[in-house]
Amino acid sequence: MTRPDLDELVRTAEEIYATRLKAVLEPEHMGEFVVIEPESGDYFLGRTLSEAGRAARRSHPDRLTHTMRVGHKAALHFGMYVR
């Protein structure tokens, strides 16, 4: 898949989250992971990244997905906490 195709996949998934899922998921699933399959609009929740990813692969084994964390700007944060 080319970079423009990946950019479109991410844009579509983030649009689905913003317009269809945010209001539904954030009240009850804050901090959980959501994997969105942009072609179908299907989404899969999990308390862990692995849990959500496995659910998505079971339903759509040959499609690319986009992972987000409900209520956060990024699915993961890398770095260390310094006081």
PDB file of N, CA and C in Angstrom:
ATOM      1  N   MET A   1       0.852  -1.169   0.000  1.00  0.00           N
ATOM      2  CA  MET A   1       0.000   0.000   0.000  1.00  0.00           C
ATOM      3  C   MET A   1       0.900   1.234   0.000  1.00  0.00           C
ATOM      4  N   THR A   2       0.551   2.200  -0.817  1.00  0.00           N
ATOM      5  CA  THR A   2       1.362   3.410  -0.918  1.00  0.00           C
ATOM      6  C   THR A   2       1.036   4.377   0.219  1.00  0.00           C
ATOM      7  N   ARG A   3       1.899   5.325   0.419  1.00  0.00           N
ATOM      8  CA  ARG A   3       1.718   6.310   1.487  1.00  0.00           C
ATOM      9  C   ARG A   3       0.397   7.073   1.350  1.00  0.00           C
ATOM     10  N   PRO A   4       0.028   7.556   0.141  1.00  0.00           N
ATOM     11  CA  PRO A   4      -1.267   8.239   0.023  1.00  0.00           C
ATOM     12  C   PRO A   4      -2.437   7.332   0.407  1.00  0.00           C
ATOM     13  N   ASP A   5      -2.339   6.033   0.089  1.00  0.00           N
ATOM     14  CA  ASP A   5      -3.396   5.100   0.460  1.00  0.00           C
ATOM     15  C   ASP A   5      -3.485   4.960   1.981  1.00  0.00           C
ATOM     16  N   LEU A   6      -2.330   4.883   2.647  1.00  0.00           N
ATOM     17  CA  LEU A   6      -2.318   4.795   4.100  1.00  0.00           C
ATOM     18  C   LEU A   6      -2.856   6.070   4.736  1.00  0.00           C
ATOM     19  N   ASP A   7      -2.494   7.207   4.172  1.00  0.00           N
ATOM     20  CA  ASP A   7      -3.004   8.477   4.685  1.00  0.00           C
ATOM     21  C   ASP A   7      -4.524   8.519   4.571  1.00  0.00           C
ATOM     22  N   GLU A   8      -5.056   8.027   3.475  1.00  0.00           N
ATOM     23  CA  GLU A   8      -6.510   8.000   3.270  1.00  0.00           C
ATOM     24  C   GLU A   8      -7.179   7.040   4.251  1.00  0.00           C
ATOM     25  N   LEU A   9      -6.557   5.888   4.510  1.00  0.00           N
ATOM     26  CA  LEU A   9      -7.092   4.930   5.472  1.00  0.00           C
ATOM     27  C   LEU A   9      -7.195   5.580   6.848  1.00  0.00           C
ATOM     28  N   VAL A  10      -6.142   6.250   7.276  1.00  0.00           N
ATOM     29  CA  VAL A  10      -6.131   6.912   8.582  1.00  0.00           C
ATOM     30  C   VAL A  10      -7.175   8.026   8.612  1.00  0.00           C
ATOM     31  N   ARG A  11      -7.220   8.839   7.584  1.00  0.00           N
ATOM     32  CA  ARG A  11      -8.188   9.939   7.539  1.00  0.00           C
ATOM     33  C   ARG A  11      -9.615   9.410   7.638  1.00  0.00           C
ATOM     34  N   THR A  12      -9.919   8.357   6.883  1.00  0.00           N
ATOM     35  CA  THR A  12     -11.267   7.784   6.898  1.00  0.00           C
ATOM     36  C   THR A  12     -11.608   7.218   8.267  1.00  0.00           C
ATOM     37  N   ALA A  13     -10.674   6.483   8.869  1.00  0.00           N
ATOM     38  CA  ALA A  13     -10.918   5.904  10.193  1.00  0.00           C
ATOM     39  C   ALA A  13     -11.125   6.998  11.240  1.00  0.00           C
ATOM     40  N   GLU A  14     -10.318   8.040  11.189  1.00  0.00           N
ATOM     41  CA  GLU A  14     -10.465   9.124  12.160  1.00  0.00           C
ATOM     42  C   GLU A  14     -11.769   9.889  11.957  1.00  0.00           C
ATOM     43  N   GLU A  15     -12.207   9.987  10.716  1.00  0.00           N
ATOM     44  CA  GLU A  15     -13.503  10.618  10.438  1.00  0.00           C
ATOM     45  C   GLU A  15     -14.655   9.768  10.988  1.00  0.00           C
ATOM     46  N   ILE A  16     -14.554   8.459  10.818  1.00  0.00           N
ATOM     47  CA  ILE A  16     -15.570   7.557  11.371  1.00  0.00           C
ATOM     48  C   ILE A  16     -15.622   7.711  12.888  1.00  0.00           C
ATOM     49  N   TYR A  17     -14.466   7.776  13.521  1.00  0.00           N
ATOM     50  CA  TYR A  17     -14.432   7.953  14.972  1.00  0.00           C
ATOM     51  C   TYR A  17     -15.097   9.274  15.363  1.00  0.00           C
ATOM     52  N   ALA A  18     -14.703  10.343  14.708  1.00  0.00           N
ATOM     53  CA  ALA A  18     -15.200  11.672  15.084  1.00  0.00           C
ATOM     54  C   ALA A  18     -16.699  11.828  14.852  1.00  0.00           C
ATOM     55  N   THR A  19     -17.201  11.279  13.758  1.00  0.00           N
ATOM     56  CA  THR A  19     -18.605  11.521  13.402  1.00  0.00           C
ATOM     57  C   THR A  19     -19.571  10.458  13.914  1.00  0.00           C
ATOM     58  N   ARG A  20     -19.099   9.232  14.105  1.00  0.00           N
ATOM     59  CA  ARG A  20     -20.015   8.152  14.482  1.00  0.00           C
ATOM     60  C   ARG A  20     -19.734   7.521  15.837  1.00  0.00           C
ATOM     61  N   LEU A  21     -18.472   7.494  16.249  1.00  0.00           N
ATOM     62  CA  LEU A  21     -18.128   6.691  17.415  1.00  0.00           C
ATOM     63  C   LEU A  21     -17.819   7.489  18.678  1.00  0.00           C
ATOM     64  N   LYS A  22     -17.275   8.654  18.545  1.00  0.00           N
ATOM     65  CA  LYS A  22     -16.818   9.429  19.700  1.00  0.00           C
ATOM     66  C   LYS A  22     -17.910   9.591  20.755  1.00  0.00           C
ATOM     67  N   ALA A  23     -19.065  10.074  20.350  1.00  0.00           N
ATOM     68  CA  ALA A  23     -20.151  10.321  21.304  1.00  0.00           C
ATOM     69  C   ALA A  23     -20.688   9.032  21.915  1.00  0.00           C
ATOM     70  N   VAL A  24     -20.588   7.946  21.182  1.00  0.00           N
ATOM     71  CA  VAL A  24     -21.094   6.658  21.659  1.00  0.00           C
ATOM     72  C   VAL A  24     -20.086   5.983  22.595  1.00  0.00           C
ATOM     73  N   LEU A  25     -18.806   6.040  22.250  1.00  0.00           N
ATOM     74  CA  LEU A  25     -17.789   5.295  22.988  1.00  0.00           C
ATOM     75  C   LEU A  25     -17.232   6.021  24.209  1.00  0.00           C
ATOM     76  N   GLU A  26     -17.034   7.316  24.121  1.00  0.00           N
ATOM     77  CA  GLU A  26     -16.333   8.020  25.201  1.00  0.00           C
ATOM     78  C   GLU A  26     -17.038   7.963  26.557  1.00  0.00           C
ATOM     79  N   PRO A  27     -18.358   7.995  26.631  1.00  0.00           N
ATOM     80  CA  PRO A  27     -18.980   7.926  27.958  1.00  0.00           C
ATOM     81  C   PRO A  27     -18.738   6.600  28.700  1.00  0.00           C
ATOM     82  N   GLU A  28     -18.622   5.506  27.981  1.00  0.00           N
ATOM     83  CA  GLU A  28     -18.537   4.190  28.625  1.00  0.00           C
ATOM     84  C   GLU A  28     -17.204   3.470  28.432  1.00  0.00           C
ATOM     85  N   HIS A  29     -16.393   3.891  27.481  1.00  0.00           N
ATOM     86  CA  HIS A  29     -15.192   3.129  27.119  1.00  0.00           C
ATOM     87  C   HIS A  29     -13.912   3.964  27.106  1.00  0.00           C
ATOM     88  N   MET A  30     -13.883   5.043  27.864  1.00  0.00           N
ATOM     89  CA  MET A  30     -12.718   5.927  27.904  1.00  0.00           C
ATOM     90  C   MET A  30     -11.450   5.138  28.224  1.00  0.00           C
ATOM     91  N   GLY A  31     -10.424   5.330  27.414  1.00  0.00           N
ATOM     92  CA  GLY A  31      -9.142   4.690  27.636  1.00  0.00           C
ATOM     93  C   GLY A  31      -8.997   3.319  27.004  1.00  0.00           C
ATOM     94  N   GLU A  32     -10.097   2.738  26.518  1.00  0.00           N
ATOM     95  CA  GLU A  32     -10.006   1.452  25.835  1.00  0.00           C
ATOM     96  C   GLU A  32      -9.484   1.676  24.418  1.00  0.00           C
ATOM     97  N   PHE A  33      -9.094   0.595  23.766  1.00  0.00           N
ATOM     98  CA  PHE A  33      -8.617   0.670  22.393  1.00  0.00           C
ATOM     99  C   PHE A  33      -9.757   0.370  21.442  1.00  0.00           C
ATOM    100  N   VAL A  34      -9.797   1.103  20.345  1.00  0.00           N
ATOM    101  CA  VAL A  34     -10.773   0.846  19.297  1.00  0.00           C
ATOM    102  C   VAL A  34     -10.008   0.672  17.992  1.00  0.00           C
ATOM    103  N   VAL A  35     -10.293  -0.420  17.307  1.00  0.00           N
ATOM    104  CA  VAL A  35      -9.709  -0.687  15.993  1.00  0.00           C
ATOM    105  C   VAL A  35     -10.817  -0.489  14.976  1.00  0.00           C
ATOM    106  N   ILE A  36     -10.566   0.370  14.005  1.00  0.00           N
ATOM    107  CA  ILE A  36     -11.574   0.707  12.993  1.00  0.00           C
ATOM    108  C   ILE A  36     -11.141   0.159  11.651  1.00  0.00           C
ATOM    109  N   GLU A  37     -12.059  -0.553  10.990  1.00  0.00           N
ATOM    110  CA  GLU A  37     -11.845  -1.030   9.624  1.00  0.00           C
ATOM    111  C   GLU A  37     -12.586  -0.042   8.733  1.00  0.00           C
ATOM    112  N   PRO A  38     -11.871   0.852   8.055  1.00  0.00           N
ATOM    113  CA  PRO A  38     -12.500   1.974   7.368  1.00  0.00           C
ATOM    114  C   PRO A  38     -13.412   1.608   6.202  1.00  0.00           C
ATOM    115  N   GLU A  39     -13.140   0.521   5.519  1.00  0.00           N
ATOM    116  CA  GLU A  39     -13.957   0.166   4.356  1.00  0.00           C
ATOM    117  C   GLU A  39     -15.392  -0.163   4.768  1.00  0.00           C
ATOM    118  N   SER A  40     -15.548  -0.926   5.823  1.00  0.00           N
ATOM    119  CA  SER A  40     -16.877  -1.325   6.287  1.00  0.00           C
ATOM    120  C   SER A  40     -17.420  -0.392   7.360  1.00  0.00           C
ATOM    121  N   GLY A  41     -16.528   0.293   8.064  1.00  0.00           N
ATOM    122  CA  GLY A  41     -16.940   1.093   9.208  1.00  0.00           C
ATOM    123  C   GLY A  41     -17.060   0.272  10.483  1.00  0.00           C
ATOM    124  N   ASP A  42     -16.754  -1.012  10.414  1.00  0.00           N
ATOM    125  CA  ASP A  42     -16.792  -1.860  11.602  1.00  0.00           C
ATOM    126  C   ASP A  42     -15.728  -1.407  12.593  1.00  0.00           C
ATOM    127  N   TYR A  43     -16.036  -1.569  13.876  1.00  0.00           N
ATOM    128  CA  TYR A  43     -15.048  -1.238  14.901  1.00  0.00           C
ATOM    129  C   TYR A  43     -15.058  -2.305  15.983  1.00  0.00           C
ATOM    130  N   PHE A  44     -13.926  -2.398  16.676  1.00  0.00           N
ATOM    131  CA  PHE A  44     -13.715  -3.448  17.660  1.00  0.00           C
ATOM    132  C   PHE A  44     -13.054  -2.839  18.878  1.00  0.00           C
ATOM    133  N   LEU A  45     -13.621  -3.097  20.044  1.00  0.00           N
ATOM    134  CA  LEU A  45     -13.109  -2.549  21.290  1.00  0.00           C
ATOM    135  C   LEU A  45     -12.339  -3.598  22.070  1.00  0.00           C
ATOM    136  N   GLY A  46     -11.378  -3.130  22.846  1.00  0.00           N
ATOM    137  CA  GLY A  46     -10.649  -4.012  23.751  1.00  0.00           C
ATOM    138  C   GLY A  46     -10.020  -3.213  24.860  1.00  0.00           C
ATOM    139  N   ARG A  47      -9.868  -3.846  26.004  1.00  0.00           N
ATOM    140  CA  ARG A  47      -9.161  -3.179  27.106  1.00  0.00           C
ATOM    141  C   ARG A  47      -7.684  -3.078  26.811  1.00  0.00           C
ATOM    142  N   THR A  48      -7.182  -3.961  25.928  1.00  0.00           N
ATOM    143  CA  THR A  48      -5.795  -3.910  25.504  1.00  0.00           C
ATOM    144  C   THR A  48      -5.741  -3.782  23.990  1.00  0.00           C
ATOM    145  N   LEU A  49      -4.605  -3.326  23.506  1.00  0.00           N
ATOM    146  CA  LEU A  49      -4.387  -3.218  22.066  1.00  0.00           C
ATOM    147  C   LEU A  49      -4.511  -4.592  21.416  1.00  0.00           C
ATOM    148  N   SER A  50      -3.940  -5.603  22.047  1.00  0.00           N
ATOM    149  CA  SER A  50      -3.982  -6.966  21.496  1.00  0.00           C
ATOM    150  C   SER A  50      -5.412  -7.494  21.405  1.00  0.00           C
ATOM    151  N   GLU A  51      -6.198  -7.254  22.426  1.00  0.00           N
ATOM    152  CA  GLU A  51      -7.577  -7.725  22.453  1.00  0.00           C
ATOM    153  C   GLU A  51      -8.386  -7.114  21.302  1.00  0.00           C
ATOM    154  N   ALA A  52      -8.276  -5.822  21.121  1.00  0.00           N
ATOM    155  CA  ALA A  52      -9.013  -5.149  20.043  1.00  0.00           C
ATOM    156  C   ALA A  52      -8.501  -5.595  18.677  1.00  0.00           C
ATOM    157  N   GLY A  53      -7.187  -5.731  18.547  1.00  0.00           N
ATOM    158  CA  GLY A  53      -6.592  -6.164  17.279  1.00  0.00           C
ATOM    159  C   GLY A  53      -6.999  -7.567  16.886  1.00  0.00           C
ATOM    160  N   ARG A  54      -7.038  -8.476  17.853  1.00  0.00           N
ATOM    161  CA  ARG A  54      -7.458  -9.857  17.556  1.00  0.00           C
ATOM    162  C   ARG A  54      -8.897  -9.896  17.064  1.00  0.00           C
ATOM    163  N   ALA A  55      -9.753  -9.134  17.687  1.00  0.00           N
ATOM    164  CA  ALA A  55     -11.157  -9.099  17.272  1.00  0.00           C
ATOM    165  C   ALA A  55     -11.289  -8.593  15.839  1.00  0.00           C
ATOM    166  N   ALA A  56     -10.524  -7.567  15.500  1.00  0.00           N
ATOM    167  CA  ALA A  56     -10.564  -7.014  14.140  1.00  0.00           C
ATOM    168  C   ALA A  56     -10.047  -8.027  13.122  1.00  0.00           C
ATOM    169  N   ARG A  57      -8.951  -8.704  13.451  1.00  0.00           N
ATOM    170  CA  ARG A  57      -8.385  -9.692  12.521  1.00  0.00           C
ATOM    171  C   ARG A  57      -9.307 -10.881  12.307  1.00  0.00           C
ATOM    172  N   ARG A  58     -10.045 -11.265  13.347  1.00  0.00           N
ATOM    173  CA  ARG A  58     -10.998 -12.367  13.185  1.00  0.00           C
ATOM    174  C   ARG A  58     -12.074 -12.001  12.168  1.00  0.00           C
ATOM    175  N   SER A  59     -12.552 -10.781  12.216  1.00  0.00           N
ATOM    176  CA  SER A  59     -13.619 -10.360  11.308  1.00  0.00           C
ATOM    177  C   SER A  59     -13.127  -9.946   9.934  1.00  0.00           C
ATOM    178  N   HIS A  60     -11.950  -9.337   9.880  1.00  0.00           N
ATOM    179  CA  HIS A  60     -11.408  -8.803   8.618  1.00  0.00           C
ATOM    180  C   HIS A  60      -9.931  -9.176   8.500  1.00  0.00           C
ATOM    181  N   PRO A  61      -9.623 -10.454   8.294  1.00  0.00           N
ATOM    182  CA  PRO A  61      -8.219 -10.887   8.310  1.00  0.00           C
ATOM    183  C   PRO A  61      -7.353 -10.309   7.197  1.00  0.00           C
ATOM    184  N   ASP A  62      -7.952  -9.875   6.104  1.00  0.00           N
ATOM    185  CA  ASP A  62      -7.171  -9.395   4.962  1.00  0.00           C
ATOM    186  C   ASP A  62      -7.246  -7.886   4.761  1.00  0.00           C
ATOM    187  N   ARG A  63      -7.763  -7.159   5.733  1.00  0.00           N
ATOM    188  CA  ARG A  63      -7.908  -5.712   5.571  1.00  0.00           C
ATOM    189  C   ARG A  63      -7.033  -4.962   6.571  1.00  0.00           C
ATOM    190  N   LEU A  64      -6.609  -3.788   6.164  1.00  0.00           N
ATOM    191  CA  LEU A  64      -5.859  -2.915   7.065  1.00  0.00           C
ATOM    192  C   LEU A  64      -6.834  -2.173   7.972  1.00  0.00           C
ATOM    193  N   THR A  65      -6.391  -1.923   9.185  1.00  0.00           N
ATOM    194  CA  THR A  65      -7.220  -1.221  10.156  1.00  0.00           C
ATOM    195  C   THR A  65      -6.421  -0.085  10.780  1.00  0.00           C
ATOM    196  N   HIS A  66      -7.111   0.732  11.528  1.00  0.00           N
ATOM    197  CA  HIS A  66      -6.473   1.844  12.237  1.00  0.00           C
ATOM    198  C   HIS A  66      -6.872   1.758  13.705  1.00  0.00           C
ATOM    199  N   THR A  67      -5.885   1.839  14.583  1.00  0.00           N
ATOM    200  CA  THR A  67      -6.136   1.729  16.021  1.00  0.00           C
ATOM    201  C   THR A  67      -6.052   3.090  16.686  1.00  0.00           C
ATOM    202  N   MET A  68      -7.001   3.326  17.570  1.00  0.00           N
ATOM    203  CA  MET A  68      -7.035   4.558  18.340  1.00  0.00           C
ATOM    204  C   MET A  68      -7.324   4.196  19.794  1.00  0.00           C
ATOM    205  N   ARG A  69      -7.125   5.147  20.670  1.00  0.00           N
ATOM    206  CA  ARG A  69      -7.498   4.961  22.064  1.00  0.00           C
ATOM    207  C   ARG A  69      -8.647   5.911  22.347  1.00  0.00           C
ATOM    208  N   VAL A  70      -9.719   5.368  22.847  1.00  0.00           N
ATOM    209  CA  VAL A  70     -10.933   6.152  23.069  1.00  0.00           C
ATOM    210  C   VAL A  70     -10.628   7.320  24.004  1.00  0.00           C
ATOM    211  N   GLY A  71     -10.913   8.522  23.496  1.00  0.00           N
ATOM    212  CA  GLY A  71     -10.726   9.734  24.284  1.00  0.00           C
ATOM    213  C   GLY A  71      -9.320  10.289  24.312  1.00  0.00           C
ATOM    214  N   HIS A  72      -8.411   9.744  23.516  1.00  0.00           N
ATOM    215  CA  HIS A  72      -7.018  10.196  23.498  1.00  0.00           C
ATOM    216  C   HIS A  72      -6.599  10.563  22.076  1.00  0.00           C
ATOM    217  N   LYS A  73      -5.557  11.370  21.964  1.00  0.00           N
ATOM    218  CA  LYS A  73      -5.060  11.756  20.648  1.00  0.00           C
ATOM    219  C   LYS A  73      -4.200  10.676  20.011  1.00  0.00           C
ATOM    220  N   ALA A  74      -3.629   9.795  20.827  1.00  0.00           N
ATOM    221  CA  ALA A  74      -2.760   8.733  20.312  1.00  0.00           C
ATOM    222  C   ALA A  74      -3.120   7.420  20.991  1.00  0.00           C
ATOM    223  N   ALA A  75      -2.910   6.325  20.266  1.00  0.00           N
ATOM    224  CA  ALA A  75      -3.179   5.006  20.842  1.00  0.00           C
ATOM    225  C   ALA A  75      -2.161   4.667  21.917  1.00  0.00           C
ATOM    226  N   LEU A  76      -0.906   5.048  21.700  1.00  0.00           N
ATOM    227  CA  LEU A  76       0.174   4.732  22.632  1.00  0.00           C
ATOM    228  C   LEU A  76       1.036   5.961  22.868  1.00  0.00           C
ATOM    229  N   HIS A  77       1.659   5.984  24.011  1.00  0.00           N
ATOM    230  CA  HIS A  77       2.594   7.055  24.332  1.00  0.00           C
ATOM    231  C   HIS A  77       3.919   6.394  24.724  1.00  0.00           C
ATOM    232  N   PHE A  78       4.970   6.797  24.060  1.00  0.00           N
ATOM    233  CA  PHE A  78       6.300   6.282  24.371  1.00  0.00           C
ATOM    234  C   PHE A  78       7.099   7.380  25.045  1.00  0.00           C
ATOM    235  N   GLY A  79       7.797   7.024  26.052  1.00  0.00           N
ATOM    236  CA  GLY A  79       8.613   8.000  26.766  1.00  0.00           C
ATOM    237  C   GLY A  79       8.623   7.670  28.231  1.00  0.00           C
ATOM    238  N   MET A  80       9.271   8.512  28.966  1.00  0.00           N
ATOM    239  CA  MET A  80       9.315   8.243  30.393  1.00  0.00           C
ATOM    240  C   MET A  80       8.741   9.415  31.160  1.00  0.00           C
ATOM    241  N   TYR A  81       8.214   9.108  32.290  1.00  0.00           N
ATOM    242  CA  TYR A  81       7.630  10.107  33.139  1.00  0.00           C
ATOM    243  C   TYR A  81       8.711  10.658  34.066  1.00  0.00           C
ATOM    244  N   VAL A  82       8.847  11.958  34.076  1.00  0.00           N
ATOM    245  CA  VAL A  82       9.861  12.603  34.914  1.00  0.00           C
ATOM    246  C   VAL A  82       9.157  13.603  35.813  1.00  0.00           C
ATOM    247  N   ARG A  83       9.459  13.551  37.088  1.00  0.00           N
ATOM    248  CA  ARG A  83       8.870  14.517  38.022  1.00  0.00           C
ATOM    249  C   ARG A  83       9.732  15.713  38.166  1.00  0.00           C
TER     250      ARG A  83
END
